[in-house]
């Protein structure tokens, strides 16, 4: 558990790699899917 361990964040910083422990970039959440089709009006 140190600089030589690539599974830890410190090891990835030392090795210069990325992964689940040290993501390369911030992942953006997917936007909610817009509802398709015309809006239904209330029945009279």
C-alpha atoms as a PDB file:
ATOM      1  CA  UNK A   1       0.000   0.000   0.000  1.00  0.00           C
ATOM      2  CA  UNK A   2       2.243   2.746  -1.240  1.00  0.00           C
ATOM      3  CA  UNK A   3       3.729   4.325  -4.324  1.00  0.00           C
ATOM      4  CA  UNK A   4       4.314   0.938  -5.941  1.00  0.00           C
ATOM      5  CA  UNK A   5       0.701  -0.213  -5.519  1.00  0.00           C
ATOM      6  CA  UNK A   6      -1.195   0.769  -8.673  1.00  0.00           C
ATOM      7  CA  UNK A   7      -4.537  -0.009  -7.019  1.00  0.00           C
ATOM      8  CA  UNK A   8      -4.228   2.958  -4.653  1.00  0.00           C
ATOM      9  CA  UNK A   9      -4.617   6.632  -5.512  1.00  0.00           C
ATOM     10  CA  UNK A  10      -1.044   7.381  -4.440  1.00  0.00           C
ATOM     11  CA  UNK A  11       0.259   4.571  -6.632  1.00  0.00           C
ATOM     12  CA  UNK A  12      -1.644   5.904  -9.635  1.00  0.00           C
ATOM     13  CA  UNK A  13      -0.299   9.429  -9.070  1.00  0.00           C
ATOM     14  CA  UNK A  14       3.247   8.015  -8.852  1.00  0.00           C
ATOM     15  CA  UNK A  15       2.743   5.825 -11.941  1.00  0.00           C
ATOM     16  CA  UNK A  16       0.952   8.567 -13.887  1.00  0.00           C
ATOM     17  CA  UNK A  17      -2.073   6.420 -14.691  1.00  0.00           C
ATOM     18  CA  UNK A  18      -5.794   6.808 -14.176  1.00  0.00           C
ATOM     19  CA  UNK A  19      -8.669   4.489 -13.363  1.00  0.00           C
ATOM     20  CA  UNK A  20     -11.609   3.969 -11.033  1.00  0.00           C
ATOM     21  CA  UNK A  21      -9.579   5.064  -8.008  1.00  0.00           C
ATOM     22  CA  UNK A  22      -8.210   8.132  -9.816  1.00  0.00           C
ATOM     23  CA  UNK A  23     -10.534   9.269 -12.624  1.00  0.00           C
ATOM     24  CA  UNK A  24      -8.940  11.352 -15.379  1.00  0.00           C
ATOM     25  CA  UNK A  25     -11.889  13.743 -15.644  1.00  0.00           C
ATOM     26  CA  UNK A  26     -15.156  14.535 -13.933  1.00  0.00           C
ATOM     27  CA  UNK A  27     -17.924  12.412 -15.465  1.00  0.00           C
ATOM     28  CA  UNK A  28     -21.025  14.422 -16.302  1.00  0.00           C
ATOM     29  CA  UNK A  29     -24.389  12.923 -15.439  1.00  0.00           C
ATOM     30  CA  UNK A  30     -26.611  12.190 -18.414  1.00  0.00           C
ATOM     31  CA  UNK A  31     -29.377  14.730 -18.919  1.00  0.00           C
ATOM     32  CA  UNK A  32     -32.889  13.371 -18.373  1.00  0.00           C
ATOM     33  CA  UNK A  33     -34.496  12.283 -21.626  1.00  0.00           C
ATOM     34  CA  UNK A  34     -37.029  14.843 -22.849  1.00  0.00           C
ATOM     35  CA  UNK A  35     -40.578  13.600 -23.136  1.00  0.00           C
ATOM     36  CA  UNK A  36     -41.493  13.167 -26.773  1.00  0.00           C
ATOM     37  CA  UNK A  37     -44.872  13.890 -28.342  1.00  0.00           C
ATOM     38  CA  UNK A  38     -47.527  16.522 -27.751  1.00  0.00           C
ATOM     39  CA  UNK A  39     -48.834  17.142 -24.269  1.00  0.00           C
ATOM     40  CA  UNK A  40     -52.213  15.616 -23.581  1.00  0.00           C
ATOM     41  CA  UNK A  41     -54.948  18.019 -22.495  1.00  0.00           C
ATOM     42  CA  UNK A  42     -57.483  17.168 -19.820  1.00  0.00           C
ATOM     43  CA  UNK A  43     -60.603  15.382 -21.077  1.00  0.00           C
ATOM     44  CA  UNK A  44     -63.765  17.463 -20.976  1.00  0.00           C
END
